Amino acid sequence: IHAALEPAREVGGDFYDFYFVSDDWLLFCVGDVSDKGVPAALFMAVTQTLIKPRASDDISPARILSRVNDELSADNASCMFVTLFVAFLNVKTGKLLYTNAGHNPPYIKRRAGQLDKLSDRHGPVIGAMPDLDYGSSEAEMEPGDLFVLFTDGVTEARGVDTGLYGED
């Protein structure tokens, strides 16, 4: 696992996390809060805090995000939201369970070189409105595959001689 986080300001709302929830299951997530600065950082911290205890007893990313969404959308006077990708990987079998709530779709670069985009979206952003039921999808990882997650900080970065990098 390799991760990098370079906020545009001193603090921001982009985040990632990963940890084992059991001997077999690794949780990893990446998200991006709608605002910048301290408010976004606080919203991000609350989001991470809400995910962790739910993941310890439930490996359904859909149920976890549905519950986190309800909690974040209650009393959300600032109308902030977060795009979020949450996945569980069984490190013994390669089974990947994931839910994408309005986030940039990640990629699996297969050992043989093929690039698979996990383009399924399972619901809107988290925290904008209550009572949403998120879906989920499955994929398989093989030894040597590379999983790439990112935020719009990558796609909206500017090249030296070009405009935004974009999705391509």
C-alpha atoms as a PDB file:
ATOM      1  CA  ILE A   1       0.000   0.000   0.000  1.00  0.00           C
ATOM      2  CA  HIS A   2       1.263   3.419  -0.947  1.00  0.00           C
ATOM      3  CA  ALA A   3      -0.569   6.674  -0.357  1.00  0.00           C
ATOM      4  CA  ALA A   4       0.149  10.362  -0.817  1.00  0.00           C
ATOM      5  CA  LEU A   5      -1.800  13.379   0.340  1.00  0.00           C
ATOM      6  CA  GLU A   6      -0.816  16.909  -0.647  1.00  0.00           C
ATOM      7  CA  PRO A   7      -3.502  19.411   0.401  1.00  0.00           C
ATOM      8  CA  ALA A   8      -3.940  22.584  -1.641  1.00  0.00           C
ATOM      9  CA  ARG A   9      -3.968  24.497   1.646  1.00  0.00           C
ATOM     10  CA  GLU A  10      -2.531  23.657   5.052  1.00  0.00           C
ATOM     11  CA  VAL A  11      -5.559  21.479   5.785  1.00  0.00           C
ATOM     12  CA  GLY A  12      -8.275  20.172   3.536  1.00  0.00           C
ATOM     13  CA  GLY A  13     -11.018  17.663   3.048  1.00  0.00           C
ATOM     14  CA  ASP A  14      -9.363  14.931   0.967  1.00  0.00           C
ATOM     15  CA  PHE A  15      -8.652  11.766   2.913  1.00  0.00           C
ATOM     16  CA  TYR A  16      -7.773   8.127   2.700  1.00  0.00           C
ATOM     17  CA  ASP A  17      -7.646   5.324   5.214  1.00  0.00           C
ATOM     18  CA  PHE A  18      -6.893   1.634   5.306  1.00  0.00           C
ATOM     19  CA  TYR A  19      -6.826  -0.990   8.048  1.00  0.00           C
ATOM     20  CA  PHE A  20      -7.608  -4.639   8.671  1.00  0.00           C
ATOM     21  CA  VAL A  21     -11.051  -5.294  10.126  1.00  0.00           C
ATOM     22  CA  SER A  22     -10.219  -9.002  10.534  1.00  0.00           C
ATOM     23  CA  ASP A  23      -7.403 -11.370   9.593  1.00  0.00           C
ATOM     24  CA  ASP A  24      -8.812 -11.695   6.063  1.00  0.00           C
ATOM     25  CA  TRP A  25     -10.495  -8.365   5.301  1.00  0.00           C
ATOM     26  CA  LEU A  26      -8.726  -5.084   4.562  1.00  0.00           C
ATOM     27  CA  LEU A  27     -10.841  -1.931   4.418  1.00  0.00           C
ATOM     28  CA  PHE A  28      -9.675   1.004   2.368  1.00  0.00           C
ATOM     29  CA  CYS A  29     -11.390   4.230   1.469  1.00  0.00           C
ATOM     30  CA  VAL A  30     -10.763   7.546  -0.214  1.00  0.00           C
ATOM     31  CA  GLY A  31     -12.931  10.636  -0.024  1.00  0.00           C
ATOM     32  CA  ASP A  32     -13.171  14.301  -0.845  1.00  0.00           C
ATOM     33  CA  VAL A  33     -15.196  16.818   1.163  1.00  0.00           C
ATOM     34  CA  SER A  34     -17.016  19.557  -0.755  1.00  0.00           C
ATOM     35  CA  ASP A  35     -15.318  22.494   0.965  1.00  0.00           C
ATOM     36  CA  LYS A  36     -11.732  23.513   1.742  1.00  0.00           C
ATOM     37  CA  GLY A  37      -9.814  24.482   4.851  1.00  0.00           C
ATOM     38  CA  VAL A  38     -10.702  23.786   8.473  1.00  0.00           C
ATOM     39  CA  PRO A  39     -14.450  23.143   7.936  1.00  0.00           C
ATOM     40  CA  ALA A  40     -13.651  20.478   5.331  1.00  0.00           C
ATOM     41  CA  ALA A  41     -10.998  18.930   7.562  1.00  0.00           C
ATOM     42  CA  LEU A  42     -13.468  18.691  10.447  1.00  0.00           C
ATOM     43  CA  PHE A  43     -16.161  17.155   8.215  1.00  0.00           C
ATOM     44  CA  MET A  44     -13.570  14.699   6.921  1.00  0.00           C
ATOM     45  CA  ALA A  45     -12.544  13.733  10.462  1.00  0.00           C
ATOM     46  CA  VAL A  46     -16.163  13.102  11.427  1.00  0.00           C
ATOM     47  CA  THR A  47     -16.654  10.972   8.307  1.00  0.00           C
ATOM     48  CA  GLN A  48     -13.623   8.810   9.101  1.00  0.00           C
ATOM     49  CA  THR A  49     -14.741   8.519  12.717  1.00  0.00           C
ATOM     50  CA  LEU A  50     -18.184   7.288  11.651  1.00  0.00           C
ATOM     51  CA  ILE A  51     -16.850   4.673   9.212  1.00  0.00           C
ATOM     52  CA  LYS A  52     -14.397   2.884  11.483  1.00  0.00           C
ATOM     53  CA  PRO A  53     -16.710   1.455  14.185  1.00  0.00           C
ATOM     54  CA  ARG A  54     -19.280   0.338  11.609  1.00  0.00           C
ATOM     55  CA  ALA A  55     -16.628  -1.463   9.562  1.00  0.00           C
ATOM     56  CA  SER A  56     -15.487  -3.464  12.577  1.00  0.00           C
ATOM     57  CA  ASP A  57     -18.725  -5.476  12.617  1.00  0.00           C
ATOM     58  CA  ASP A  58     -20.076  -5.173   9.057  1.00  0.00           C
ATOM     59  CA  ILE A  59     -18.210  -5.797   5.795  1.00  0.00           C
ATOM     60  CA  SER A  60     -21.002  -4.359   3.660  1.00  0.00           C
ATOM     61  CA  PRO A  61     -19.780  -1.037   2.261  1.00  0.00           C
ATOM     62  CA  ALA A  62     -23.355  -0.274   1.139  1.00  0.00           C
ATOM     63  CA  ARG A  63     -24.824  -0.603   4.639  1.00  0.00           C
ATOM     64  CA  ILE A  64     -21.923   1.314   6.159  1.00  0.00           C
ATOM     65  CA  LEU A  65     -22.329   4.243   3.764  1.00  0.00           C
ATOM     66  CA  SER A  66     -26.107   4.285   4.188  1.00  0.00           C
ATOM     67  CA  ARG A  67     -25.657   4.616   7.954  1.00  0.00           C
ATOM     68  CA  VAL A  68     -22.857   7.177   7.692  1.00  0.00           C
ATOM     69  CA  ASN A  69     -24.947   9.196   5.233  1.00  0.00           C
ATOM     70  CA  ASP A  70     -27.872   9.337   7.664  1.00  0.00           C
ATOM     71  CA  GLU A  71     -25.629  10.538  10.470  1.00  0.00           C
ATOM     72  CA  LEU A  72     -23.818  13.159   8.384  1.00  0.00           C
ATOM     73  CA  SER A  73     -26.986  14.525   6.767  1.00  0.00           C
ATOM     74  CA  ALA A  74     -28.694  15.055  10.134  1.00  0.00           C
ATOM     75  CA  ASP A  75     -28.060  18.559  11.442  1.00  0.00           C
ATOM     76  CA  ASN A  76     -25.885  19.424   8.424  1.00  0.00           C
ATOM     77  CA  ALA A  77     -26.610  23.162   8.431  1.00  0.00           C
ATOM     78  CA  SER A  78     -23.489  23.877   6.361  1.00  0.00           C
ATOM     79  CA  CYS A  79     -24.781  21.598   3.548  1.00  0.00           C
ATOM     80  CA  MET A  80     -21.354  19.975   3.209  1.00  0.00           C
ATOM     81  CA  PHE A  81     -21.007  16.575   1.571  1.00  0.00           C
ATOM     82  CA  VAL A  82     -18.315  14.053   0.767  1.00  0.00           C
ATOM     83  CA  THR A  83     -17.646  11.882  -2.261  1.00  0.00           C
ATOM     84  CA  LEU A  84     -16.557   8.513  -0.955  1.00  0.00           C
ATOM     85  CA  PHE A  85     -15.250   5.184  -2.213  1.00  0.00           C
ATOM     86  CA  VAL A  86     -15.150   2.365   0.355  1.00  0.00           C
ATOM     87  CA  ALA A  87     -13.970  -1.174  -0.333  1.00  0.00           C
ATOM     88  CA  PHE A  88     -13.238  -4.378   1.520  1.00  0.00           C
ATOM     89  CA  LEU A  89     -10.605  -6.693   0.065  1.00  0.00           C
ATOM     90  CA  ASN A  90     -10.338 -10.299   1.175  1.00  0.00           C
ATOM     91  CA  VAL A  91      -6.556 -10.665   1.116  1.00  0.00           C
ATOM     92  CA  LYS A  92      -6.760 -14.463   0.891  1.00  0.00           C
ATOM     93  CA  THR A  93      -9.284 -14.819  -1.942  1.00  0.00           C
ATOM     94  CA  GLY A  94      -8.948 -11.487  -3.791  1.00  0.00           C
ATOM     95  CA  LYS A  95     -12.678 -10.757  -3.494  1.00  0.00           C
ATOM     96  CA  LEU A  96     -13.343  -7.007  -3.526  1.00  0.00           C
ATOM     97  CA  LEU A  97     -16.618  -5.531  -2.233  1.00  0.00           C
ATOM     98  CA  TYR A  98     -17.053  -1.828  -2.925  1.00  0.00           C
ATOM     99  CA  THR A  99     -19.434   1.120  -2.888  1.00  0.00           C
ATOM    100  CA  ASN A 100     -18.896   4.364  -4.747  1.00  0.00           C
ATOM    101  CA  ALA A 101     -20.839   7.380  -3.484  1.00  0.00           C
ATOM    102  CA  GLY A 102     -20.189  10.024  -6.136  1.00  0.00           C
ATOM    103  CA  HIS A 103     -16.404   9.603  -6.133  1.00  0.00           C
ATOM    104  CA  ASN A 104     -13.944   9.357  -9.039  1.00  0.00           C
ATOM    105  CA  PRO A 105     -13.996   5.764 -10.274  1.00  0.00           C
ATOM    106  CA  PRO A 106     -10.853   3.810  -9.376  1.00  0.00           C
ATOM    107  CA  TYR A 107      -8.903   1.462 -11.633  1.00  0.00           C
ATOM    108  CA  ILE A 108      -7.458  -2.015 -11.391  1.00  0.00           C
ATOM    109  CA  LYS A 109      -4.302  -2.386 -13.443  1.00  0.00           C
ATOM    110  CA  ARG A 110      -4.078  -6.093 -14.087  1.00  0.00           C
ATOM    111  CA  ARG A 111      -0.744  -7.865 -13.901  1.00  0.00           C
ATOM    112  CA  ALA A 112      -0.998  -8.506 -17.659  1.00  0.00           C
ATOM    113  CA  GLY A 113      -1.369  -4.762 -18.329  1.00  0.00           C
ATOM    114  CA  GLN A 114      -5.140  -4.467 -18.859  1.00  0.00           C
ATOM    115  CA  LEU A 115      -6.748  -1.452 -17.165  1.00  0.00           C
ATOM    116  CA  ASP A 116     -10.217  -2.016 -15.658  1.00  0.00           C
ATOM    117  CA  LYS A 117     -12.238   1.011 -14.610  1.00  0.00           C
ATOM    118  CA  LEU A 118     -14.657   0.347 -11.747  1.00  0.00           C
ATOM    119  CA  SER A 119     -17.250   2.759 -13.087  1.00  0.00           C
ATOM    120  CA  ASP A 120     -20.249   1.616 -11.017  1.00  0.00           C
ATOM    121  CA  ARG A 121     -21.819   4.433  -8.996  1.00  0.00           C
ATOM    122  CA  HIS A 122     -23.950   3.249  -6.107  1.00  0.00           C
ATOM    123  CA  GLY A 123     -25.530   6.487  -4.997  1.00  0.00           C
ATOM    124  CA  PRO A 124     -24.980  10.191  -4.660  1.00  0.00           C
ATOM    125  CA  VAL A 125     -22.544  11.973  -2.385  1.00  0.00           C
ATOM    126  CA  ILE A 126     -22.666  11.299   1.366  1.00  0.00           C
ATOM    127  CA  GLY A 127     -24.251  13.812   3.740  1.00  0.00           C
ATOM    128  CA  ALA A 128     -26.436  15.771   1.311  1.00  0.00           C
ATOM    129  CA  MET A 129     -29.782  14.118   2.147  1.00  0.00           C
ATOM    130  CA  PRO A 130     -30.969  11.402   4.541  1.00  0.00           C
ATOM    131  CA  ASP A 131     -32.588   8.026   3.956  1.00  0.00           C
ATOM    132  CA  LEU A 132     -30.554   6.833   0.984  1.00  0.00           C
ATOM    133  CA  ASP A 133     -29.821   3.163   0.394  1.00  0.00           C
ATOM    134  CA  TYR A 134     -26.499   2.664  -1.348  1.00  0.00           C
ATOM    135  CA  GLY A 135     -25.714  -0.317  -3.534  1.00  0.00           C
ATOM    136  CA  SER A 136     -22.464  -2.215  -3.974  1.00  0.00           C
ATOM    137  CA  SER A 137     -20.497  -4.217  -6.512  1.00  0.00           C
ATOM    138  CA  GLU A 138     -17.905  -6.978  -6.491  1.00  0.00           C
ATOM    139  CA  ALA A 139     -14.655  -7.462  -8.357  1.00  0.00           C
ATOM    140  CA  GLU A 140     -11.748  -9.880  -8.146  1.00  0.00           C
ATOM    141  CA  MET A 141      -8.123  -9.012  -7.548  1.00  0.00           C
ATOM    142  CA  GLU A 142      -5.343 -11.377  -8.583  1.00  0.00           C
ATOM    143  CA  PRO A 143      -1.758 -11.474  -7.295  1.00  0.00           C
ATOM    144  CA  GLY A 144       0.207  -8.736  -9.055  1.00  0.00           C
ATOM    145  CA  ASP A 145      -2.825  -6.522  -9.735  1.00  0.00           C
ATOM    146  CA  LEU A 146      -2.587  -2.860  -8.774  1.00  0.00           C
ATOM    147  CA  PHE A 147      -5.552  -0.930  -7.366  1.00  0.00           C
ATOM    148  CA  VAL A 148      -5.477   2.843  -7.987  1.00  0.00           C
ATOM    149  CA  LEU A 149      -7.738   5.255  -6.094  1.00  0.00           C
ATOM    150  CA  PHE A 150      -7.558   9.046  -6.309  1.00  0.00           C
ATOM    151  CA  THR A 151      -9.518  12.243  -5.776  1.00  0.00           C
ATOM    152  CA  ASP A 152     -10.306  15.036  -8.198  1.00  0.00           C
ATOM    153  CA  GLY A 153      -7.082  16.665  -7.008  1.00  0.00           C
ATOM    154  CA  VAL A 154      -5.418  14.458  -9.617  1.00  0.00           C
ATOM    155  CA  THR A 155      -7.837  15.028 -12.491  1.00  0.00           C
ATOM    156  CA  GLU A 156      -8.026  18.790 -11.799  1.00  0.00           C
ATOM    157  CA  ALA A 157      -4.268  19.298 -11.540  1.00  0.00           C
ATOM    158  CA  ARG A 158      -2.703  21.350 -14.295  1.00  0.00           C
ATOM    159  CA  GLY A 159       0.118  20.169 -16.489  1.00  0.00           C
ATOM    160  CA  VAL A 160       3.072  22.457 -17.193  1.00  0.00           C
ATOM    161  CA  ASP A 161       2.049  23.141 -20.806  1.00  0.00           C
ATOM    162  CA  THR A 162      -1.563  21.984 -20.706  1.00  0.00           C
ATOM    163  CA  GLY A 163      -4.852  22.558 -18.949  1.00  0.00           C
ATOM    164  CA  LEU A 164      -6.362  20.158 -16.465  1.00  0.00           C
ATOM    165  CA  TYR A 165      -5.152  16.567 -16.633  1.00  0.00           C
ATOM    166  CA  GLY A 166      -8.745  15.328 -16.761  1.00  0.00           C
ATOM    167  CA  GLU A 167     -10.023  11.769 -16.680  1.00  0.00           C
ATOM    168  CA  ASP A 168      -8.076  10.510 -19.706  1.00  0.00           C
END
